[in-house]
Amino acid sequence: MNRCFLFISLLCIGLSVQGQTPTRYRQEIFARYDTLNNLVYGEAVNLKNNRETLRLDVFSPPTTDTARRRPLLIFIHGGGFQNNDKVGVFSTLVCGTLAKRGYVASSINYRMGLAPSKSDTTYFEALYRAVQDTKAAVRYFRKNADRFGIDPDQIFLMGSSAGSKTAMHTAYLDPHEVPNWLDTRRLGTLEGDSGNPGFSSKVRGVVNCWGAMIDYRWMNRGDAPLFNVHGMTDATVAYDSSFSYHGFRHGSTILYNRALALGIPTGLQLFEKTGHTLDNDRTKQQKAVEEISRWLFTQLKQNEPKNGPEVFKWAKEIGQLSHLDSTTIDPPGAVLVSGSSYIRRWSTIARDLAPFQIIHRGYGGAKLNDFAYYIRTLVGTHRPRAALFYVGNDIVGSPTDKTPLQVLNLVKNVTEQVRALRPGLPIFWVQISPNERRWAVWDQISAASELVRQYCAQTPGLHYIEAGNTFLGTDGKPIPALFDADKLHPNEAGYQRWAIPIRAELERTLGK
């Protein structure tokens, strides 16, 4: 008995200590990092027709680190394909931060220079050379994976401005998509001959900092995940598609929406009243690096869904809802109610929300990224009086939870898609509800809900329904009697109480 008690006590202490230990790759676990400078990774003919040596720097955790298959991020500096260097304030911030979190990071130089005409074509040619060199750097690290202690299946690219353009075209531009007006006989193949042949140049993900693509359609289903950072008053590279930078027209919001439409994991961080390079504001850049780091962690192999991208696992259920749409007639003036399992399991919804007529279209355990992927199917065949949405599975206490900012961005995307389909349609977003099972992350859930509430308050035709308090007792915690045995979903009594603030807001906005 005493030995058993001692074992349990030690186990609990161990788990407690483990819970206090920072998570590798998600938080800093080292106080310092090591560097190797000016390593040669290849050479190639530059614009002056000279052989140029290509060099990079490596940032690694201290030599005391025992991990040997670590993710790698390759950083590509900006400078309009004309200037700057692998050594810079932002590149050091990025690479140093990631090395302290357990990654290996590298900042590379590449061939620069523009032909005198400085036309869109010459910018494309400069990009093309930079892509060739970046591919050689990726191959270099695959070739030397054991030397640097990296996992060759977990190589990410990140850039600043022209470096981001290079990173994205390295990942998304395929040889058959290269325009036929580009002189590839002179420039060589897209893969290039800058060094390290015989190894793949494929990457696992991309981080775009204030960059743009020439053609967003070069991003296709199954391509690498993409995170985007941009200032909304950037006068150099558009965060949307309002102007072109020498042929680079499609900025961060266009690429974010494209990725969501294809089911590609993605993220977005916009900075209001902020220009190119986030105005070189150290505080804003650090904030961006923190959000980037959180997203990168979710894309690591250790967090990869076992059965492929989660967004596609609901295809069968969405197909069943589409079949239901084709075989039933909506009641006139009905409210479309859609979302995750809170909606799907609401079997008494017609009674609880009466006298409103309801089109009931909940599915699975929806998250906002797959909701964004399927929203046009869910809404497209209906002509409802209003739409009401509830999706509550993006912050659940998992290491791969979305940040509150990413929840907000996805809500915005869904709203914009619905508005494009049904202009003027009143849209209601229901507050994510508290429950005992996810109470440990209620602060993060509340932060996301507050961002959504503010967005709805500032956007005409959007309505936010605060319904969370209906599940809380006088002690401020979830009331167990209102939930099923899973401590997550409401029981019949819980749904009846949840319906009260929802119905009240529908009546206030739409009338009885």
Protein backbone atom coordinates (compact mmCIF):
# COMPACT_ATOMS: atom_id res chain seq x y z
CA MET A 1 0.00 0.00 0.00
CA ASN A 2 2.81 2.40 1.00
CA ARG A 3 4.81 1.61 -2.17
CA CYS A 4 1.71 2.18 -4.27
CA PHE A 5 1.09 5.51 -2.56
CA LEU A 6 4.73 6.52 -3.07
CA PHE A 7 4.59 5.63 -6.78
CA ILE A 8 1.39 7.62 -7.30
CA SER A 9 2.84 10.59 -5.41
CA LEU A 10 6.02 10.57 -7.49
CA LEU A 11 3.99 10.24 -10.68
CA CYS A 12 1.85 13.22 -9.74
CA ILE A 13 4.95 15.26 -8.92
CA GLY A 14 6.48 14.28 -12.27
CA LEU A 15 3.36 15.25 -14.16
CA SER A 16 3.21 18.53 -12.27
CA VAL A 17 6.80 19.37 -13.18
CA GLN A 18 6.17 18.31 -16.76
CA GLY A 19 3.19 20.62 -16.90
CA GLN A 20 5.42 23.52 -15.83
CA THR A 21 8.11 22.75 -18.40
CA PRO A 22 7.98 24.87 -21.57
CA THR A 23 6.93 22.98 -24.68
CA ARG A 24 9.70 22.46 -27.22
CA TYR A 25 9.11 24.36 -30.49
CA ARG A 26 6.18 26.25 -28.95
CA GLN A 27 8.10 28.17 -26.28
CA GLU A 28 11.71 29.08 -25.62
CA ILE A 29 13.53 26.24 -23.88
CA PHE A 30 17.09 27.54 -24.27
CA ALA A 31 18.57 30.80 -23.03
CA ARG A 32 20.97 31.06 -25.97
CA TYR A 33 21.78 29.66 -29.39
CA ASP A 34 24.89 28.84 -31.44
CA THR A 35 25.74 30.08 -34.93
CA LEU A 36 27.78 28.95 -37.90
CA ASN A 37 28.47 31.72 -40.39
CA ASN A 38 29.17 31.97 -44.10
CA LEU A 39 28.80 28.31 -44.96
CA VAL A 40 28.91 27.71 -48.72
CA TYR A 41 25.81 25.97 -50.04
CA GLY A 42 26.36 26.42 -53.77
CA GLU A 43 27.31 28.70 -56.62
CA ALA A 44 25.67 29.97 -59.79
CA VAL A 45 26.08 32.44 -62.65
CA ASN A 46 24.82 35.88 -61.67
CA LEU A 47 23.46 38.75 -63.71
CA LYS A 48 26.99 39.89 -64.56
CA ASN A 49 27.75 36.44 -65.94
CA ASN A 50 30.15 35.68 -63.10
CA ARG A 51 30.16 32.61 -60.88
CA GLU A 52 28.80 33.72 -57.52
CA THR A 53 29.39 31.79 -54.30
CA LEU A 54 26.20 31.29 -52.27
CA ARG A 55 26.48 31.40 -48.50
CA LEU A 56 24.26 30.94 -45.47
CA ASP A 57 24.31 31.22 -41.68
CA VAL A 58 22.95 28.58 -39.31
CA PHE A 59 21.31 29.20 -35.93
CA SER A 60 21.05 26.13 -33.69
CA PRO A 61 20.17 25.30 -30.10
CA PRO A 62 23.24 24.97 -27.86
CA THR A 63 25.42 21.90 -28.34
CA THR A 64 23.94 20.47 -25.13
CA ASP A 65 20.71 19.82 -27.05
CA THR A 66 20.29 16.08 -27.56
CA ALA A 67 17.55 16.24 -30.23
CA ARG A 68 18.84 15.22 -33.64
CA ARG A 69 15.82 15.44 -35.98
CA ARG A 70 14.76 19.02 -35.54
CA PRO A 71 12.59 21.12 -37.85
CA LEU A 72 14.45 23.63 -40.00
CA LEU A 73 13.33 27.09 -41.11
CA ILE A 74 15.19 28.80 -43.95
CA PHE A 75 14.89 32.60 -43.92
CA ILE A 76 15.22 34.63 -47.15
CA HIS A 77 15.93 38.35 -46.80
CA GLY A 78 14.19 41.13 -48.71
CA GLY A 79 15.51 44.12 -50.62
CA GLY A 80 13.57 44.21 -53.89
CA PHE A 81 15.96 41.59 -55.39
CA GLN A 82 18.62 44.35 -55.43
CA ASN A 83 20.18 44.70 -51.99
CA ASN A 84 20.32 43.63 -48.32
CA ASP A 85 21.99 40.61 -46.80
CA LYS A 86 21.37 37.44 -44.83
CA VAL A 87 22.51 39.28 -41.71
CA GLY A 88 19.76 41.63 -40.58
CA VAL A 89 17.74 42.70 -37.56
CA PHE A 90 14.57 40.85 -38.54
CA SER A 91 16.33 37.70 -39.78
CA THR A 92 18.28 37.52 -36.52
CA LEU A 93 15.10 38.00 -34.49
CA VAL A 94 13.37 35.19 -36.38
CA CYS A 95 16.24 32.72 -36.48
CA GLY A 96 17.35 33.39 -32.92
CA THR A 97 13.81 33.04 -31.54
CA LEU A 98 13.27 29.72 -33.29
CA ALA A 99 16.68 28.35 -32.27
CA LYS A 100 15.82 29.08 -28.64
CA ARG A 101 12.63 27.08 -29.15
CA GLY A 102 14.52 24.07 -30.43
CA TYR A 103 14.45 24.58 -34.20
CA VAL A 104 17.42 24.89 -36.48
CA ALA A 105 17.19 28.07 -38.56
CA SER A 106 19.20 29.45 -41.44
CA SER A 107 19.44 32.81 -43.17
CA ILE A 108 20.64 32.64 -46.77
CA ASN A 109 22.07 34.92 -49.40
CA TYR A 110 21.05 34.50 -53.04
CA ARG A 111 21.86 36.10 -56.38
CA MET A 112 20.53 39.63 -56.67
CA GLY A 113 20.35 42.21 -59.42
CA LEU A 114 17.92 43.52 -62.03
CA ALA A 115 18.44 44.12 -65.74
CA PRO A 116 18.56 47.86 -66.59
CA SER A 117 14.98 47.96 -67.92
CA LYS A 118 13.55 47.00 -64.52
CA SER A 119 10.39 45.76 -66.17
CA ASP A 120 7.98 43.18 -64.79
CA THR A 121 9.91 40.60 -66.83
CA THR A 122 13.25 41.48 -65.25
CA TYR A 123 11.67 41.24 -61.78
CA PHE A 124 10.35 37.81 -62.68
CA GLU A 125 13.83 36.81 -63.84
CA ALA A 126 15.31 38.03 -60.53
CA LEU A 127 12.68 36.01 -58.67
CA TYR A 128 13.46 33.00 -60.83
CA ARG A 129 17.17 33.13 -59.91
CA ALA A 130 16.30 33.55 -56.23
CA VAL A 131 13.99 30.52 -56.41
CA GLN A 132 16.75 28.43 -58.00
CA ASP A 133 19.14 29.38 -55.21
CA THR A 134 16.55 28.72 -52.50
CA LYS A 135 15.90 25.28 -53.91
CA ALA A 136 19.65 24.63 -53.79
CA ALA A 137 19.66 25.68 -50.10
CA VAL A 138 16.81 23.27 -49.35
CA ARG A 139 18.72 20.49 -51.11
CA TYR A 140 21.89 21.43 -49.20
CA PHE A 141 20.19 20.87 -45.86
CA ARG A 142 18.64 17.59 -47.00
CA LYS A 143 22.06 16.46 -48.11
CA ASN A 144 23.54 17.45 -44.75
CA ALA A 145 20.61 16.60 -42.48
CA ASP A 146 22.69 14.51 -40.09
CA ARG A 147 25.40 17.16 -39.83
CA PHE A 148 22.92 19.82 -38.72
CA GLY A 149 20.63 17.52 -36.77
CA ILE A 150 17.52 18.31 -38.79
CA ASP A 151 14.53 16.33 -39.99
CA PRO A 152 14.64 16.45 -43.81
CA ASP A 153 10.84 16.07 -43.88
CA GLN A 154 10.33 19.24 -41.86
CA ILE A 155 11.88 22.10 -43.81
CA PHE A 156 10.00 25.42 -43.81
CA LEU A 157 10.63 28.61 -45.77
CA MET A 158 10.14 32.16 -44.55
CA GLY A 159 10.96 35.48 -46.09
CA SER A 160 10.68 39.22 -45.81
CA SER A 161 9.25 41.13 -48.81
CA ALA A 162 11.21 39.89 -51.86
CA GLY A 163 12.32 36.95 -49.71
CA SER A 164 8.68 36.05 -49.07
CA LYS A 165 7.95 36.26 -52.78
CA THR A 166 10.85 33.90 -53.31
CA ALA A 167 9.68 31.51 -50.58
CA MET A 168 6.13 31.30 -51.96
CA HIS A 169 7.16 30.81 -55.56
CA THR A 170 9.66 28.17 -54.45
CA ALA A 171 6.78 26.27 -52.85
CA TYR A 172 3.93 26.96 -55.28
CA LEU A 173 5.30 27.65 -58.77
CA ASP A 174 5.57 24.40 -60.73
CA PRO A 175 7.68 24.02 -63.89
CA HIS A 176 4.64 23.73 -66.17
CA GLU A 177 3.29 27.02 -64.76
CA VAL A 178 6.34 29.08 -65.72
CA PRO A 179 5.11 31.53 -68.40
CA ASN A 180 6.32 30.67 -71.88
CA TRP A 181 7.58 34.21 -72.41
CA LEU A 182 10.27 33.67 -69.79
CA ASP A 183 13.59 32.73 -71.41
CA THR A 184 14.22 29.45 -69.61
CA ARG A 185 16.82 28.45 -72.20
CA ARG A 186 18.98 31.26 -70.83
CA LEU A 187 17.89 31.02 -67.19
CA GLY A 188 17.81 27.23 -66.91
CA THR A 189 15.21 25.03 -65.30
CA LEU A 190 13.21 26.14 -62.28
CA GLU A 191 15.14 23.63 -60.17
CA GLY A 192 18.34 25.33 -61.30
CA ASP A 193 21.96 24.22 -61.04
CA SER A 194 23.04 26.23 -58.00
CA GLY A 195 24.18 23.09 -56.22
CA ASN A 196 23.36 19.86 -54.37
CA PRO A 197 21.61 17.91 -57.15
CA GLY A 198 19.86 14.64 -56.41
CA PHE A 199 17.86 15.86 -53.42
CA SER A 200 14.28 17.13 -53.20
CA SER A 201 13.57 20.85 -52.89
CA LYS A 202 10.06 20.31 -51.53
CA VAL A 203 9.15 22.18 -48.33
CA ARG A 204 6.64 21.52 -45.58
CA GLY A 205 5.32 25.07 -45.13
CA VAL A 206 5.83 28.74 -45.89
CA VAL A 207 5.67 31.97 -43.89
CA ASN A 208 4.98 35.08 -45.96
CA CYS A 209 5.96 38.40 -44.39
CA TRP A 210 4.66 41.32 -46.47
CA GLY A 211 5.13 39.51 -49.78
CA ALA A 212 2.89 38.75 -52.75
CA MET A 213 2.55 36.27 -55.61
CA ILE A 214 2.39 36.96 -59.31
CA ASP A 215 -0.54 34.56 -59.72
CA TYR A 216 -2.45 33.16 -56.73
CA ARG A 217 -3.71 30.31 -58.94
CA TRP A 218 -0.25 28.76 -58.75
CA MET A 219 -1.28 27.64 -55.28
CA ASN A 220 -3.18 24.36 -55.66
CA ARG A 221 -4.87 21.80 -53.47
CA GLY A 222 -2.35 19.72 -51.55
CA ASP A 223 0.33 22.43 -51.60
CA ALA A 224 2.32 23.45 -48.55
CA PRO A 225 0.60 25.34 -45.70
CA LEU A 226 0.99 29.13 -45.64
CA PHE A 227 1.01 31.79 -42.91
CA ASN A 228 0.79 35.47 -43.86
CA VAL A 229 1.81 38.69 -42.08
CA HIS A 230 1.13 42.12 -43.55
CA GLY A 231 0.65 45.79 -42.72
CA MET A 232 -2.64 47.18 -43.98
CA THR A 233 -1.15 50.49 -45.11
CA ASP A 234 1.76 48.86 -46.94
CA ALA A 235 2.45 51.10 -49.92
CA THR A 236 5.19 48.86 -51.34
CA VAL A 237 3.46 45.47 -51.57
CA ALA A 238 -0.33 45.34 -51.32
CA TYR A 239 -1.81 43.27 -48.51
CA ASP A 240 -4.73 42.56 -50.87
CA SER A 241 -4.71 43.05 -54.65
CA SER A 242 -5.28 46.80 -54.85
CA PHE A 243 -2.04 47.44 -56.75
CA SER A 244 0.90 45.58 -58.25
CA TYR A 245 4.57 45.59 -57.31
CA HIS A 246 6.29 44.92 -60.64
CA GLY A 247 3.86 42.09 -61.41
CA PHE A 248 3.45 40.84 -57.84
CA ARG A 249 -0.23 41.61 -57.31
CA HIS A 250 -1.72 39.03 -54.97
CA GLY A 251 -0.96 39.83 -51.35
CA SER A 252 -1.62 38.21 -48.02
CA THR A 253 -5.42 38.33 -47.80
CA ILE A 254 -5.82 36.98 -51.34
CA LEU A 255 -3.45 34.12 -50.57
CA TYR A 256 -5.10 33.41 -47.21
CA ASN A 257 -8.52 33.16 -48.84
CA ARG A 258 -7.12 31.02 -51.64
CA ALA A 259 -5.58 28.59 -49.15
CA LEU A 260 -8.84 28.30 -47.19
CA ALA A 261 -10.78 27.64 -50.39
CA LEU A 262 -8.38 24.79 -51.22
CA GLY A 263 -8.36 23.28 -47.74
CA ILE A 264 -4.70 24.24 -47.21
CA PRO A 265 -3.78 24.99 -43.57
CA THR A 266 -3.23 28.72 -43.31
CA GLY A 267 -3.14 31.73 -41.03
CA LEU A 268 -3.16 35.50 -41.24
CA GLN A 269 -1.97 38.39 -39.11
CA LEU A 270 -2.74 41.91 -40.27
CA PHE A 271 -1.50 45.10 -38.63
CA GLU A 272 -3.70 48.17 -38.96
CA LYS A 273 -2.12 51.53 -39.77
CA THR A 274 1.16 49.77 -40.49
CA GLY A 275 3.33 49.84 -43.58
CA HIS A 276 5.96 47.67 -45.23
CA THR A 277 8.20 45.58 -42.94
CA LEU A 278 5.73 46.54 -40.18
CA ASP A 279 7.48 49.93 -40.25
CA ASN A 280 10.54 48.19 -38.81
CA ASP A 281 8.75 48.44 -35.49
CA ARG A 282 10.48 45.98 -33.17
CA THR A 283 7.40 45.49 -30.98
CA LYS A 284 5.18 44.67 -33.96
CA GLN A 285 7.78 42.37 -35.46
CA GLN A 286 8.13 40.50 -32.18
CA LYS A 287 4.35 40.16 -31.99
CA ALA A 288 4.38 38.74 -35.50
CA VAL A 289 7.15 36.27 -34.67
CA GLU A 290 5.15 35.04 -31.67
CA GLU A 291 2.05 34.40 -33.79
CA ILE A 292 4.19 32.77 -36.49
CA SER A 293 5.82 30.50 -33.91
CA ARG A 294 2.44 29.40 -32.57
CA TRP A 295 1.29 28.57 -36.11
CA LEU A 296 4.52 26.78 -37.08
CA PHE A 297 4.12 24.50 -34.07
CA THR A 298 0.71 23.35 -35.35
CA GLN A 299 2.29 22.37 -38.68
CA LEU A 300 4.99 20.10 -37.28
CA LYS A 301 4.98 16.40 -38.10
CA GLN A 302 4.29 15.51 -34.49
CA ASN A 303 0.95 17.35 -34.76
CA GLU A 304 -0.02 16.00 -38.18
CA PRO A 305 -3.54 14.48 -38.35
CA LYS A 306 -3.31 10.71 -38.78
CA ASN A 307 -5.80 10.52 -41.64
CA GLY A 308 -4.78 13.52 -43.69
CA PRO A 309 -6.01 17.12 -43.56
CA GLU A 310 -8.88 17.45 -41.10
CA VAL A 311 -10.82 19.72 -43.41
CA PHE A 312 -11.68 16.84 -45.74
CA LYS A 313 -12.85 14.35 -43.13
CA TRP A 314 -16.31 15.89 -43.11
CA ALA A 315 -16.87 15.44 -46.85
CA LYS A 316 -19.31 12.56 -46.34
CA GLU A 317 -21.42 14.48 -43.84
CA ILE A 318 -21.46 17.56 -46.04
CA GLY A 319 -22.55 15.33 -48.91
CA GLN A 320 -25.44 14.07 -46.79
CA LEU A 321 -26.48 17.64 -46.01
CA SER A 322 -26.31 18.48 -49.72
CA HIS A 323 -28.56 15.50 -50.44
CA LEU A 324 -30.97 16.78 -47.78
CA ASP A 325 -30.94 20.19 -49.45
CA SER A 326 -31.86 18.61 -52.78
CA THR A 327 -34.73 16.54 -51.40
CA THR A 328 -36.42 19.02 -49.06
CA ILE A 329 -38.09 22.42 -49.45
CA ASP A 330 -37.13 25.13 -46.99
CA PRO A 331 -39.94 26.76 -45.02
CA PRO A 332 -40.51 30.35 -46.16
CA GLY A 333 -38.68 32.94 -44.07
CA ALA A 334 -36.62 30.33 -42.23
CA VAL A 335 -33.38 30.88 -40.34
CA LEU A 336 -30.42 28.76 -41.47
CA VAL A 337 -28.66 27.36 -38.40
CA SER A 338 -25.29 25.71 -39.02
CA GLY A 339 -22.08 24.84 -37.24
CA SER A 340 -20.46 22.17 -35.12
CA SER A 341 -21.79 19.39 -32.91
CA TYR A 342 -23.60 21.79 -30.56
CA ILE A 343 -25.84 22.50 -33.55
CA ARG A 344 -25.88 18.98 -34.98
CA ARG A 345 -27.00 17.44 -31.67
CA TRP A 346 -29.73 20.03 -31.03
CA SER A 347 -32.62 17.68 -31.78
CA THR A 348 -35.21 19.96 -30.15
CA ILE A 349 -34.15 23.07 -32.05
CA ALA A 350 -37.47 23.50 -33.87
CA ARG A 351 -39.37 23.52 -30.57
CA ASP A 352 -36.79 25.54 -28.64
CA LEU A 353 -36.57 28.35 -31.20
CA ALA A 354 -40.26 28.43 -32.16
CA PRO A 355 -41.98 30.34 -33.66
CA PHE A 356 -38.97 30.76 -35.95
CA GLN A 357 -38.78 28.25 -38.79
CA ILE A 358 -35.37 26.57 -38.85
CA ILE A 359 -33.16 25.05 -41.54
CA HIS A 360 -31.04 22.73 -39.36
CA ARG A 361 -27.60 22.06 -40.85
CA GLY A 362 -25.05 21.14 -38.17
CA TYR A 363 -22.30 18.61 -38.84
CA GLY A 364 -19.56 16.67 -37.06
CA GLY A 365 -17.18 18.52 -34.81
CA ALA A 366 -16.67 21.43 -37.16
CA LYS A 367 -13.74 23.79 -36.83
CA LEU A 368 -13.69 27.19 -38.45
CA ASN A 369 -11.18 26.30 -41.17
CA ASP A 370 -13.37 23.47 -42.51
CA PHE A 371 -16.47 25.60 -41.94
CA ALA A 372 -14.83 28.18 -44.21
CA TYR A 373 -14.09 25.45 -46.75
CA TYR A 374 -17.69 24.17 -46.84
CA ILE A 375 -19.66 27.36 -46.17
CA ARG A 376 -20.67 27.97 -49.78
CA THR A 377 -22.11 24.46 -49.95
CA LEU A 378 -23.91 24.90 -46.64
CA VAL A 379 -25.44 28.23 -47.63
CA GLY A 380 -25.56 28.12 -51.42
CA THR A 381 -28.92 26.41 -52.07
CA HIS A 382 -30.86 28.32 -49.42
CA ARG A 383 -32.64 31.67 -49.40
CA PRO A 384 -32.98 32.11 -45.64
CA ARG A 385 -34.27 35.07 -43.68
CA ALA A 386 -31.06 35.01 -41.65
CA ALA A 387 -28.11 32.75 -40.85
CA LEU A 388 -26.99 31.71 -37.37
CA PHE A 389 -23.60 30.07 -36.80
CA TYR A 390 -21.92 28.35 -33.87
CA VAL A 391 -18.46 26.74 -34.14
CA GLY A 392 -16.73 25.92 -30.88
CA ASN A 393 -13.85 23.50 -31.50
CA ASP A 394 -10.89 25.70 -32.33
CA ILE A 395 -9.69 26.22 -28.76
CA VAL A 396 -10.08 23.01 -26.77
CA GLY A 397 -6.91 22.71 -24.69
CA SER A 398 -4.87 21.05 -27.41
CA PRO A 399 -1.28 22.06 -28.32
CA THR A 400 -2.58 22.77 -31.84
CA ASP A 401 -5.33 25.16 -30.74
CA LYS A 402 -5.75 28.26 -32.84
CA THR A 403 -4.94 31.59 -31.28
CA PRO A 404 -7.82 34.03 -30.67
CA LEU A 405 -6.56 36.08 -33.62
CA GLN A 406 -6.81 33.12 -36.00
CA VAL A 407 -10.35 32.41 -34.74
CA LEU A 408 -11.30 35.99 -35.56
CA ASN A 409 -9.76 35.84 -39.04
CA LEU A 410 -11.71 32.68 -39.86
CA VAL A 411 -14.96 34.22 -38.64
CA LYS A 412 -14.26 37.16 -40.94
CA ASN A 413 -13.60 34.86 -43.89
CA VAL A 414 -16.83 32.91 -43.37
CA THR A 415 -18.79 36.14 -43.00
CA GLU A 416 -17.32 37.59 -46.19
CA GLN A 417 -18.12 34.42 -48.14
CA VAL A 418 -21.72 34.44 -46.94
CA ARG A 419 -22.02 38.13 -47.76
CA ALA A 420 -20.75 37.44 -51.29
CA LEU A 421 -23.45 34.77 -51.72
CA ARG A 422 -26.29 36.55 -49.92
CA PRO A 423 -25.70 40.30 -49.75
CA GLY A 424 -27.55 41.94 -46.89
CA LEU A 425 -28.37 38.68 -45.11
CA PRO A 426 -28.42 39.15 -41.31
CA ILE A 427 -25.75 36.92 -39.77
CA PHE A 428 -25.65 35.86 -36.12
CA TRP A 429 -22.55 34.47 -34.42
CA VAL A 430 -23.24 32.70 -31.13
CA GLN A 431 -20.70 33.04 -28.33
CA ILE A 432 -18.62 29.92 -27.71
CA SER A 433 -20.15 28.28 -24.66
CA PRO A 434 -18.32 27.37 -21.46
CA ASN A 435 -18.23 23.75 -20.36
CA GLU A 436 -16.46 21.72 -17.74
CA ARG A 437 -14.37 19.73 -20.20
CA ARG A 438 -12.68 22.80 -21.68
CA TRP A 439 -12.80 25.04 -18.64
CA ALA A 440 -8.99 25.10 -18.38
CA VAL A 441 -8.79 27.20 -21.58
CA TRP A 442 -11.84 29.35 -20.92
CA ASP A 443 -9.60 32.44 -20.79
CA GLN A 444 -8.42 31.80 -24.37
CA ILE A 445 -11.95 30.99 -25.52
CA SER A 446 -13.18 34.20 -23.92
CA ALA A 447 -10.43 36.20 -25.62
CA ALA A 448 -11.47 34.80 -29.01
CA SER A 449 -15.14 35.47 -28.27
CA GLU A 450 -14.38 39.06 -27.33
CA LEU A 451 -12.61 39.64 -30.64
CA VAL A 452 -15.61 38.22 -32.50
CA ARG A 453 -17.99 40.35 -30.42
CA GLN A 454 -16.05 43.51 -31.29
CA TYR A 455 -16.00 42.54 -34.98
CA CYS A 456 -19.77 42.04 -35.00
CA ALA A 457 -20.34 45.33 -33.18
CA GLN A 458 -18.33 47.19 -35.82
CA THR A 459 -19.86 45.44 -38.86
CA PRO A 460 -23.36 46.34 -40.12
CA GLY A 461 -25.68 43.35 -40.40
CA LEU A 462 -23.62 41.19 -38.02
CA HIS A 463 -25.02 40.21 -34.64
CA TYR A 464 -23.29 38.61 -31.68
CA ILE A 465 -25.34 36.52 -29.28
CA GLU A 466 -23.94 36.37 -25.76
CA ALA A 467 -25.29 33.05 -24.55
CA GLY A 468 -22.43 31.70 -22.47
CA ASN A 469 -23.70 32.85 -19.10
CA THR A 470 -26.73 30.59 -19.43
CA PHE A 471 -24.47 27.63 -18.61
CA LEU A 472 -22.79 29.26 -15.59
CA GLY A 473 -23.85 29.05 -11.97
CA THR A 474 -23.56 31.59 -9.17
CA ASP A 475 -19.98 30.41 -8.61
CA GLY A 476 -19.11 31.44 -12.16
CA LYS A 477 -18.48 27.87 -13.31
CA PRO A 478 -20.39 25.51 -15.66
CA ILE A 479 -23.51 23.92 -14.16
CA PRO A 480 -23.04 20.11 -14.41
CA ALA A 481 -26.80 19.46 -14.58
CA LEU A 482 -26.98 21.23 -17.97
CA PHE A 483 -24.56 18.88 -19.74
CA ASP A 484 -24.44 15.33 -21.03
CA ALA A 485 -22.12 12.76 -19.49
CA ASP A 486 -19.31 13.95 -21.78
CA LYS A 487 -19.29 17.26 -19.84
CA LEU A 488 -19.14 19.05 -23.17
CA HIS A 489 -22.50 19.04 -24.95
CA PRO A 490 -25.74 20.39 -23.48
CA ASN A 491 -28.49 17.98 -22.50
CA GLU A 492 -32.13 18.78 -23.22
CA ALA A 493 -32.36 21.13 -20.25
CA GLY A 494 -29.16 22.84 -21.36
CA TYR A 495 -30.47 23.39 -24.88
CA GLN A 496 -33.71 24.85 -23.51
CA ARG A 497 -31.73 27.40 -21.49
CA TRP A 498 -29.33 28.09 -24.38
CA ALA A 499 -32.29 28.82 -26.64
CA ILE A 500 -33.55 31.67 -24.45
CA PRO A 501 -30.88 34.30 -25.30
CA ILE A 502 -30.65 33.02 -28.89
CA ARG A 503 -34.38 33.34 -29.49
CA ALA A 504 -34.43 36.73 -27.75
CA GLU A 505 -31.76 38.11 -30.09
CA LEU A 506 -33.54 36.72 -33.15
CA GLU A 507 -36.74 38.38 -32.01
CA ARG A 508 -34.99 41.66 -31.27
CA THR A 509 -33.36 41.78 -34.69
CA LEU A 510 -35.87 40.03 -36.95
CA GLY A 511 -39.10 40.63 -35.07
CA LYS A 512 -41.44 38.02 -33.62
